[in-house]
Amino acid sequence: MNRIPTMAELAAEGRQPEVLFWVGCAGSFDDRAQRVTRAFAELLQNAGVDFAILGQEESCTGDPARRAGNEFLFQMLAQQNVAVLNMYGVKKIVTACPHCFNTLKNEYPVLGGNYEVVHHTQFLLQLLKEGRLKVEGGSFRGKKITYHDSCYLGRVNGEYEAPRALLEALDADLVEMKRCRTKGLCCGAGGAQMWKEDEPGDKRINVERAEEALETGAAVVASNCPFCLTMISDGVKAKDKQDEVLVYDLAELILNSK
């Protein structure tokens, strides 16, 4: 994979990329999510997309702070990000995190941040339709794959079809969980729950969701969110099935399909 330029470097050359790749906190710092970042960046390069990142100038969108009730911190982070994005004249943003996607798309406009924001599954499908990206079923052809709808892409933003269309392009055998689409079950991390201690109960939500995934008999669980990726992976491990059932982001599936 070639080195990815920053917006600052392109600005110094008087260039504007086709799209800004918003990496997000998980995609930058979490070991597992970093693999998704690399996979998606490699797909963009393979498709000939002219893109850049903010690098050190990117801060957290403020989503976890707002969900946890710290509105002051959210406003501070958001205004800082809007100032940077507007300084570079950013028009289009793609991100592999539904939390970043939702915040940038729906919550930044009121703060003066108006951008076209697309989730990476939507962008990959667009590249596929335009013929810029080639997807081969390869190792996943006919393989049983179940797909987990993340809350912020699914119920919050109504996107259910793009991820499934990508799985269809892989020629995979999609087996739906009993709770999917509008009735999908949260992985347990949304709404800043990722950073909270468990509340009293009989079972963790991610274990419940992992059980539903395992019931399908799928060999792979596909996700579109770094939080979901962590929670479902942990749920599969809790059932001691990590050697039999693999959890991947859709970008990884497409990159590794050959």
C-alpha atoms as a PDB file:
ATOM      1  CA  MET A   1       0.000   0.000   0.000  1.00  0.00           C
ATOM      2  CA  ASN A   2       1.269   3.473  -0.894  1.00  0.00           C
ATOM      3  CA  ARG A   3       1.640   6.230   1.663  1.00  0.00           C
ATOM      4  CA  ILE A   4      -1.550   8.252   2.211  1.00  0.00           C
ATOM      5  CA  PRO A   5      -1.139  12.045   1.934  1.00  0.00           C
ATOM      6  CA  THR A   6      -2.536  14.480   4.502  1.00  0.00           C
ATOM      7  CA  MET A   7      -4.805  17.394   3.679  1.00  0.00           C
ATOM      8  CA  ALA A   8      -2.021  19.746   4.786  1.00  0.00           C
ATOM      9  CA  GLU A   9       0.398  18.229   2.266  1.00  0.00           C
ATOM     10  CA  LEU A  10      -2.108  18.487  -0.577  1.00  0.00           C
ATOM     11  CA  ALA A  11      -3.040  22.059   0.404  1.00  0.00           C
ATOM     12  CA  ALA A  12       0.645  22.989   0.202  1.00  0.00           C
ATOM     13  CA  GLU A  13       0.606  21.730  -3.402  1.00  0.00           C
ATOM     14  CA  GLY A  14      -2.641  23.547  -4.152  1.00  0.00           C
ATOM     15  CA  ARG A  15      -4.519  20.269  -4.590  1.00  0.00           C
ATOM     16  CA  GLN A  16      -7.949  19.170  -3.370  1.00  0.00           C
ATOM     17  CA  PRO A  17      -8.653  15.410  -3.103  1.00  0.00           C
ATOM     18  CA  GLU A  18     -11.819  13.746  -4.362  1.00  0.00           C
ATOM     19  CA  VAL A  19     -12.657  12.693  -0.824  1.00  0.00           C
ATOM     20  CA  LEU A  20     -11.400  12.993   2.757  1.00  0.00           C
ATOM     21  CA  PHE A  21     -11.048   9.671   4.593  1.00  0.00           C
ATOM     22  CA  TRP A  22     -12.090  10.311   8.199  1.00  0.00           C
ATOM     23  CA  VAL A  23     -10.216   7.580  10.089  1.00  0.00           C
ATOM     24  CA  GLY A  24     -11.777   8.045  13.542  1.00  0.00           C
ATOM     25  CA  CYS A  25     -10.404   7.197  16.993  1.00  0.00           C
ATOM     26  CA  ALA A  26     -10.929   3.439  16.750  1.00  0.00           C
ATOM     27  CA  GLY A  27      -9.488   3.289  13.246  1.00  0.00           C
ATOM     28  CA  SER A  28      -6.436   5.230  14.418  1.00  0.00           C
ATOM     29  CA  PHE A  29      -5.661   3.699  17.801  1.00  0.00           C
ATOM     30  CA  ASP A  30      -7.390   0.311  18.193  1.00  0.00           C
ATOM     31  CA  ASP A  31      -5.211  -2.561  16.903  1.00  0.00           C
ATOM     32  CA  ARG A  32      -8.146  -4.487  15.417  1.00  0.00           C
ATOM     33  CA  ALA A  33      -9.777  -1.439  13.832  1.00  0.00           C
ATOM     34  CA  GLN A  34      -6.425  -0.367  12.346  1.00  0.00           C
ATOM     35  CA  ARG A  35      -6.587  -3.464  10.137  1.00  0.00           C
ATOM     36  CA  VAL A  36      -9.929  -2.236   8.789  1.00  0.00           C
ATOM     37  CA  THR A  37      -8.431   1.214   8.150  1.00  0.00           C
ATOM     38  CA  ARG A  38      -5.595  -0.326   6.163  1.00  0.00           C
ATOM     39  CA  ALA A  39      -7.956  -2.613   4.224  1.00  0.00           C
ATOM     40  CA  PHE A  40     -10.256   0.255   3.252  1.00  0.00           C
ATOM     41  CA  ALA A  41      -7.345   2.540   2.313  1.00  0.00           C
ATOM     42  CA  GLU A  42      -5.911  -0.221   0.123  1.00  0.00           C
ATOM     43  CA  LEU A  43      -9.268  -0.658  -1.618  1.00  0.00           C
ATOM     44  CA  LEU A  44      -9.429   3.101  -2.276  1.00  0.00           C
ATOM     45  CA  GLN A  45      -5.939   3.027  -3.770  1.00  0.00           C
ATOM     46  CA  ASN A  46      -6.789  -0.029  -5.893  1.00  0.00           C
ATOM     47  CA  ALA A  47      -9.844   1.838  -7.212  1.00  0.00           C
ATOM     48  CA  GLY A  48      -7.752   4.898  -8.077  1.00  0.00           C
ATOM     49  CA  VAL A  49      -9.567   7.190  -5.641  1.00  0.00           C
ATOM     50  CA  ASP A  50      -7.789  10.484  -4.950  1.00  0.00           C
ATOM     51  CA  PHE A  51      -8.111  10.768  -1.167  1.00  0.00           C
ATOM     52  CA  ALA A  52      -6.328  12.175   1.867  1.00  0.00           C
ATOM     53  CA  ILE A  53      -6.530  12.078   5.658  1.00  0.00           C
ATOM     54  CA  LEU A  54      -6.241  14.808   8.282  1.00  0.00           C
ATOM     55  CA  GLY A  55      -3.602  12.893  10.266  1.00  0.00           C
ATOM     56  CA  GLN A  56      -2.619  14.745  13.445  1.00  0.00           C
ATOM     57  CA  GLU A  57      -5.259  17.402  12.743  1.00  0.00           C
ATOM     58  CA  GLU A  58      -8.132  14.938  13.185  1.00  0.00           C
ATOM     59  CA  SER A  59      -9.774  14.891  16.632  1.00  0.00           C
ATOM     60  CA  CYS A  60     -12.556  12.701  18.008  1.00  0.00           C
ATOM     61  CA  THR A  61     -15.904  13.774  16.521  1.00  0.00           C
ATOM     62  CA  GLY A  62     -17.251  14.081  20.067  1.00  0.00           C
ATOM     63  CA  ASP A  63     -19.854  11.330  19.652  1.00  0.00           C
ATOM     64  CA  PRO A  64     -18.939   9.431  22.861  1.00  0.00           C
ATOM     65  CA  ALA A  65     -18.850  12.659  24.872  1.00  0.00           C
ATOM     66  CA  ARG A  66     -22.320  13.742  23.704  1.00  0.00           C
ATOM     67  CA  ARG A  67     -23.825  10.269  24.237  1.00  0.00           C
ATOM     68  CA  ALA A  68     -22.360  10.196  27.752  1.00  0.00           C
ATOM     69  CA  GLY A  69     -23.896  13.596  28.498  1.00  0.00           C
ATOM     70  CA  ASN A  70     -20.811  15.827  28.271  1.00  0.00           C
ATOM     71  CA  GLU A  71     -22.226  18.397  25.856  1.00  0.00           C
ATOM     72  CA  PHE A  72     -19.476  20.921  26.603  1.00  0.00           C
ATOM     73  CA  LEU A  73     -16.754  18.500  25.507  1.00  0.00           C
ATOM     74  CA  PHE A  74     -18.750  17.563  22.393  1.00  0.00           C
ATOM     75  CA  GLN A  75     -19.119  21.213  21.371  1.00  0.00           C
ATOM     76  CA  MET A  76     -15.426  21.859  21.938  1.00  0.00           C
ATOM     77  CA  LEU A  77     -14.299  18.875  19.819  1.00  0.00           C
ATOM     78  CA  ALA A  78     -16.891  19.445  17.107  1.00  0.00           C
ATOM     79  CA  GLN A  79     -16.117  23.150  16.666  1.00  0.00           C
ATOM     80  CA  GLN A  80     -12.409  22.376  16.446  1.00  0.00           C
ATOM     81  CA  ASN A  81     -13.044  19.751  13.749  1.00  0.00           C
ATOM     82  CA  VAL A  82     -15.425  22.003  11.796  1.00  0.00           C
ATOM     83  CA  ALA A  83     -12.807  24.774  11.790  1.00  0.00           C
ATOM     84  CA  VAL A  84     -10.169  22.390  10.366  1.00  0.00           C
ATOM     85  CA  LEU A  85     -12.517  20.857   7.769  1.00  0.00           C
ATOM     86  CA  ASN A  86     -13.752  24.256   6.597  1.00  0.00           C
ATOM     87  CA  MET A  87     -10.202  25.614   6.450  1.00  0.00           C
ATOM     88  CA  TYR A  88      -9.362  22.892   3.897  1.00  0.00           C
ATOM     89  CA  GLY A  89     -12.637  23.401   2.020  1.00  0.00           C
ATOM     90  CA  VAL A  90     -13.663  19.768   2.515  1.00  0.00           C
ATOM     91  CA  LYS A  91     -16.783  18.817   0.545  1.00  0.00           C
ATOM     92  CA  LYS A  92     -16.979  15.020   0.784  1.00  0.00           C
ATOM     93  CA  ILE A  93     -16.063  12.721   3.687  1.00  0.00           C
ATOM     94  CA  VAL A  94     -15.975   8.926   3.841  1.00  0.00           C
ATOM     95  CA  THR A  95     -15.580   7.038   7.113  1.00  0.00           C
ATOM     96  CA  ALA A  96     -15.545   3.393   8.214  1.00  0.00           C
ATOM     97  CA  CYS A  97     -17.195   4.249  11.562  1.00  0.00           C
ATOM     98  CA  PRO A  98     -21.004   4.664  11.723  1.00  0.00           C
ATOM     99  CA  HIS A  99     -20.630   6.790  14.884  1.00  0.00           C
ATOM    100  CA  CYS A 100     -18.374   9.274  13.060  1.00  0.00           C
ATOM    101  CA  PHE A 101     -20.674   9.018  10.018  1.00  0.00           C
ATOM    102  CA  ASN A 102     -23.776   9.908  12.023  1.00  0.00           C
ATOM    103  CA  THR A 103     -22.149  12.766  13.932  1.00  0.00           C
ATOM    104  CA  LEU A 104     -20.479  14.357  10.896  1.00  0.00           C
ATOM    105  CA  LYS A 105     -23.604  13.950   8.753  1.00  0.00           C
ATOM    106  CA  ASN A 106     -26.397  14.843  11.158  1.00  0.00           C
ATOM    107  CA  GLU A 107     -24.901  16.835  14.035  1.00  0.00           C
ATOM    108  CA  TYR A 108     -22.169  18.998  12.488  1.00  0.00           C
ATOM    109  CA  PRO A 109     -24.398  21.051  10.108  1.00  0.00           C
ATOM    110  CA  VAL A 110     -25.877  23.031  13.017  1.00  0.00           C
ATOM    111  CA  LEU A 111     -22.303  23.999  13.966  1.00  0.00           C
ATOM    112  CA  GLY A 112     -21.450  25.177  10.446  1.00  0.00           C
ATOM    113  CA  GLY A 113     -20.046  21.879   9.171  1.00  0.00           C
ATOM    114  CA  ASN A 114     -21.933  21.012   5.981  1.00  0.00           C
ATOM    115  CA  TYR A 115     -20.420  18.078   4.101  1.00  0.00           C
ATOM    116  CA  GLU A 116     -21.470  15.147   1.970  1.00  0.00           C
ATOM    117  CA  VAL A 117     -20.783  12.253   4.338  1.00  0.00           C
ATOM    118  CA  VAL A 118     -20.828   8.626   3.202  1.00  0.00           C
ATOM    119  CA  HIS A 119     -20.204   5.393   5.066  1.00  0.00           C
ATOM    120  CA  HIS A 120     -17.486   3.166   3.662  1.00  0.00           C
ATOM    121  CA  THR A 121     -19.968   0.442   2.676  1.00  0.00           C
ATOM    122  CA  GLN A 122     -21.937   2.999   0.622  1.00  0.00           C
ATOM    123  CA  PHE A 123     -18.746   4.313  -0.978  1.00  0.00           C
ATOM    124  CA  LEU A 124     -17.460   0.825  -1.837  1.00  0.00           C
ATOM    125  CA  LEU A 125     -20.794  -0.026  -3.451  1.00  0.00           C
ATOM    126  CA  GLN A 126     -20.630   3.196  -5.479  1.00  0.00           C
ATOM    127  CA  LEU A 127     -17.097   2.304  -6.657  1.00  0.00           C
ATOM    128  CA  LEU A 128     -18.339  -1.172  -7.556  1.00  0.00           C
ATOM    129  CA  LYS A 129     -21.233   0.209  -9.615  1.00  0.00           C
ATOM    130  CA  GLU A 130     -18.922   2.653 -11.398  1.00  0.00           C
ATOM    131  CA  GLY A 131     -16.587  -0.219 -12.309  1.00  0.00           C
ATOM    132  CA  ARG A 132     -13.684   1.351 -10.414  1.00  0.00           C
ATOM    133  CA  LEU A 133     -13.573  -1.533  -7.950  1.00  0.00           C
ATOM    134  CA  LYS A 134     -13.576  -5.193  -8.915  1.00  0.00           C
ATOM    135  CA  VAL A 135     -14.999  -7.687  -6.434  1.00  0.00           C
ATOM    136  CA  GLU A 136     -14.506 -11.404  -6.809  1.00  0.00           C
ATOM    137  CA  GLY A 137     -16.249 -13.986  -4.654  1.00  0.00           C
ATOM    138  CA  GLY A 138     -13.102 -16.056  -4.498  1.00  0.00           C
ATOM    139  CA  SER A 139     -12.597 -17.526  -1.051  1.00  0.00           C
ATOM    140  CA  PHE A 140     -16.056 -16.382   0.124  1.00  0.00           C
ATOM    141  CA  ARG A 141     -18.092 -17.726  -2.802  1.00  0.00           C
ATOM    142  CA  GLY A 142     -20.962 -19.798  -1.417  1.00  0.00           C
ATOM    143  CA  LYS A 143     -19.678 -19.418   2.144  1.00  0.00           C
ATOM    144  CA  LYS A 144     -22.298 -18.843   4.839  1.00  0.00           C
ATOM    145  CA  ILE A 145     -21.953 -15.274   6.103  1.00  0.00           C
ATOM    146  CA  THR A 146     -24.259 -13.486   8.520  1.00  0.00           C
ATOM    147  CA  TYR A 147     -24.392  -9.706   8.718  1.00  0.00           C
ATOM    148  CA  HIS A 148     -24.816  -7.559  11.827  1.00  0.00           C
ATOM    149  CA  ASP A 149     -26.637  -4.238  11.331  1.00  0.00           C
ATOM    150  CA  SER A 150     -24.919  -1.534  13.369  1.00  0.00           C
ATOM    151  CA  CYS A 151     -27.371   0.831  15.097  1.00  0.00           C
ATOM    152  CA  TYR A 152     -25.930   4.045  13.683  1.00  0.00           C
ATOM    153  CA  LEU A 153     -25.888   2.875  10.059  1.00  0.00           C
ATOM    154  CA  GLY A 154     -29.109   0.876  10.263  1.00  0.00           C
ATOM    155  CA  ARG A 155     -31.876   2.195  12.464  1.00  0.00           C
ATOM    156  CA  VAL A 156     -30.438   5.701  12.905  1.00  0.00           C
ATOM    157  CA  ASN A 157     -29.621   6.364   9.231  1.00  0.00           C
ATOM    158  CA  GLY A 158     -31.755   3.768   7.444  1.00  0.00           C
ATOM    159  CA  GLU A 159     -28.940   2.104   5.464  1.00  0.00           C
ATOM    160  CA  TYR A 160     -29.532  -1.630   5.198  1.00  0.00           C
ATOM    161  CA  GLU A 161     -28.966  -2.370   1.520  1.00  0.00           C
ATOM    162  CA  ALA A 162     -25.398  -1.213   0.717  1.00  0.00           C
ATOM    163  CA  PRO A 163     -23.656  -3.721   3.034  1.00  0.00           C
ATOM    164  CA  ARG A 164     -25.872  -6.556   1.803  1.00  0.00           C
ATOM    165  CA  ALA A 165     -25.223  -5.607  -1.824  1.00  0.00           C
ATOM    166  CA  LEU A 166     -21.482  -5.923  -1.140  1.00  0.00           C
ATOM    167  CA  LEU A 167     -22.015  -9.403   0.321  1.00  0.00           C
ATOM    168  CA  GLU A 168     -24.042 -10.283  -2.764  1.00  0.00           C
ATOM    169  CA  ALA A 169     -21.116  -9.156  -4.923  1.00  0.00           C
ATOM    170  CA  LEU A 170     -18.923 -11.621  -3.007  1.00  0.00           C
ATOM    171  CA  ASP A 171     -21.316 -14.425  -4.064  1.00  0.00           C
ATOM    172  CA  ALA A 172     -21.621 -15.293  -0.388  1.00  0.00           C
ATOM    173  CA  ASP A 173     -24.578 -17.159   1.076  1.00  0.00           C
ATOM    174  CA  LEU A 174     -26.115 -14.490   3.334  1.00  0.00           C
ATOM    175  CA  VAL A 175     -27.950 -16.022   6.299  1.00  0.00           C
ATOM    176  CA  GLU A 176     -29.814 -13.427   8.333  1.00  0.00           C
ATOM    177  CA  MET A 177     -30.032 -13.463  12.115  1.00  0.00           C
ATOM    178  CA  LYS A 178     -33.526 -13.621  13.595  1.00  0.00           C
ATOM    179  CA  ARG A 179     -33.149  -9.979  14.637  1.00  0.00           C
ATOM    180  CA  CYS A 180     -31.946  -7.949  11.647  1.00  0.00           C
ATOM    181  CA  ARG A 181     -32.591  -4.751   9.696  1.00  0.00           C
ATOM    182  CA  THR A 182     -35.070  -2.501  11.591  1.00  0.00           C
ATOM    183  CA  LYS A 183     -35.301  -5.104  14.354  1.00  0.00           C
ATOM    184  CA  GLY A 184     -31.529  -5.606  14.648  1.00  0.00           C
ATOM    185  CA  LEU A 185     -30.058  -5.968  18.128  1.00  0.00           C
ATOM    186  CA  CYS A 186     -27.412  -3.520  19.372  1.00  0.00           C
ATOM    187  CA  CYS A 187     -23.967  -5.040  19.979  1.00  0.00           C
ATOM    188  CA  GLY A 188     -23.974  -3.356  23.396  1.00  0.00           C
ATOM    189  CA  ALA A 189     -21.412  -0.599  22.741  1.00  0.00           C
ATOM    190  CA  GLY A 190     -23.480   2.274  21.321  1.00  0.00           C
ATOM    191  CA  GLY A 191     -24.550   5.343  23.255  1.00  0.00           C
ATOM    192  CA  ALA A 192     -21.144   5.487  25.016  1.00  0.00           C
ATOM    193  CA  GLN A 193     -21.830   2.086  26.629  1.00  0.00           C
ATOM    194  CA  MET A 194     -18.399   1.046  25.272  1.00  0.00           C
ATOM    195  CA  TRP A 195     -16.775   2.887  28.201  1.00  0.00           C
ATOM    196  CA  LYS A 196     -19.182   1.955  30.987  1.00  0.00           C
ATOM    197  CA  GLU A 197     -19.073  -0.832  33.516  1.00  0.00           C
ATOM    198  CA  ASP A 198     -21.699  -3.524  33.062  1.00  0.00           C
ATOM    199  CA  GLU A 199     -25.061  -2.913  34.705  1.00  0.00           C
ATOM    200  CA  PRO A 200     -26.616  -5.746  36.747  1.00  0.00           C
ATOM    201  CA  GLY A 201     -28.125  -8.443  34.543  1.00  0.00           C
ATOM    202  CA  ASP A 202     -28.036 -12.102  33.566  1.00  0.00           C
ATOM    203  CA  LYS A 203     -26.178 -11.793  30.262  1.00  0.00           C
ATOM    204  CA  ARG A 204     -24.085  -9.302  28.329  1.00  0.00           C
ATOM    205  CA  ILE A 205     -25.728  -7.931  25.180  1.00  0.00           C
ATOM    206  CA  ASN A 206     -22.745  -8.813  22.997  1.00  0.00           C
ATOM    207  CA  VAL A 207     -22.950 -12.449  24.141  1.00  0.00           C
ATOM    208  CA  GLU A 208     -26.676 -12.494  23.302  1.00  0.00           C
ATOM    209  CA  ARG A 209     -25.896 -11.096  19.848  1.00  0.00           C
ATOM    210  CA  ALA A 210     -23.010 -13.511  19.304  1.00  0.00           C
ATOM    211  CA  GLU A 211     -25.339 -16.409  20.160  1.00  0.00           C
ATOM    212  CA  GLU A 212     -27.783 -15.215  17.493  1.00  0.00           C
ATOM    213  CA  ALA A 213     -24.924 -15.058  14.970  1.00  0.00           C
ATOM    214  CA  LEU A 214     -23.733 -18.558  15.896  1.00  0.00           C
ATOM    215  CA  GLU A 215     -27.284 -19.942  15.573  1.00  0.00           C
ATOM    216  CA  THR A 216     -27.223 -19.128  11.843  1.00  0.00           C
ATOM    217  CA  GLY A 217     -24.407 -21.624  11.297  1.00  0.00           C
ATOM    218  CA  ALA A 218     -22.396 -18.946   9.464  1.00  0.00           C
ATOM    219  CA  ALA A 219     -18.614 -19.266   9.235  1.00  0.00           C
ATOM    220  CA  VAL A 220     -18.172 -15.470   9.103  1.00  0.00           C
ATOM    221  CA  VAL A 221     -19.885 -12.571  10.859  1.00  0.00           C
ATOM    222  CA  ALA A 222     -19.671  -9.374   8.803  1.00  0.00           C
ATOM    223  CA  SER A 223     -19.863  -5.955  10.437  1.00  0.00           C
ATOM    224  CA  ASN A 224     -19.489  -2.329   9.376  1.00  0.00           C
ATOM    225  CA  CYS A 225     -18.449  -0.693  12.664  1.00  0.00           C
ATOM    226  CA  PRO A 226     -15.329  -0.850  14.875  1.00  0.00           C
ATOM    227  CA  PHE A 227     -17.445  -0.999  18.045  1.00  0.00           C
ATOM    228  CA  CYS A 228     -19.543  -3.881  16.705  1.00  0.00           C
ATOM    229  CA  LEU A 229     -16.380  -5.629  15.529  1.00  0.00           C
ATOM    230  CA  THR A 230     -14.951  -5.555  19.062  1.00  0.00           C
ATOM    231  CA  MET A 231     -18.164  -6.511  20.846  1.00  0.00           C
ATOM    232  CA  ILE A 232     -19.132  -9.393  18.566  1.00  0.00           C
ATOM    233  CA  SER A 233     -15.556 -10.721  18.505  1.00  0.00           C
ATOM    234  CA  ASP A 234     -15.610 -10.721  22.317  1.00  0.00           C
ATOM    235  CA  GLY A 235     -19.016 -12.415  22.307  1.00  0.00           C
ATOM    236  CA  VAL A 236     -17.783 -15.166  19.980  1.00  0.00           C
ATOM    237  CA  LYS A 237     -14.727 -15.645  22.228  1.00  0.00           C
ATOM    238  CA  ALA A 238     -17.003 -15.871  25.269  1.00  0.00           C
ATOM    239  CA  LYS A 239     -18.708 -18.835  23.570  1.00  0.00           C
ATOM    240  CA  ASP A 240     -15.241 -20.287  22.745  1.00  0.00           C
ATOM    241  CA  LYS A 241     -16.009 -20.283  19.006  1.00  0.00           C
ATOM    242  CA  GLN A 242     -13.298 -17.863  17.819  1.00  0.00           C
ATOM    243  CA  ASP A 243     -11.468 -20.615  15.910  1.00  0.00           C
ATOM    244  CA  GLU A 244     -14.600 -21.657  14.003  1.00  0.00           C
ATOM    245  CA  VAL A 245     -16.366 -18.335  13.390  1.00  0.00           C
ATOM    246  CA  LEU A 246     -14.446 -15.290  12.142  1.00  0.00           C
ATOM    247  CA  VAL A 247     -15.591 -11.672  12.556  1.00  0.00           C
ATOM    248  CA  TYR A 248     -14.617  -9.251   9.775  1.00  0.00           C
ATOM    249  CA  ASP A 249     -15.437  -5.777   8.552  1.00  0.00           C
ATOM    250  CA  LEU A 250     -16.880  -5.698   5.033  1.00  0.00           C
ATOM    251  CA  ALA A 251     -13.811  -3.863   3.713  1.00  0.00           C
ATOM    252  CA  GLU A 252     -11.627  -6.768   4.878  1.00  0.00           C
ATOM    253  CA  LEU A 253     -13.919  -9.301   3.210  1.00  0.00           C
ATOM    254  CA  ILE A 254     -13.725  -7.470  -0.118  1.00  0.00           C
ATOM    255  CA  LEU A 255      -9.951  -7.016   0.042  1.00  0.00           C
ATOM    256  CA  ASN A 256      -9.378 -10.666   0.980  1.00  0.00           C
ATOM    257  CA  SER A 257     -11.935 -12.138  -1.424  1.00  0.00           C
ATOM    258  CA  LYS A 258      -9.461 -12.990  -4.183  1.00  0.00           C
END
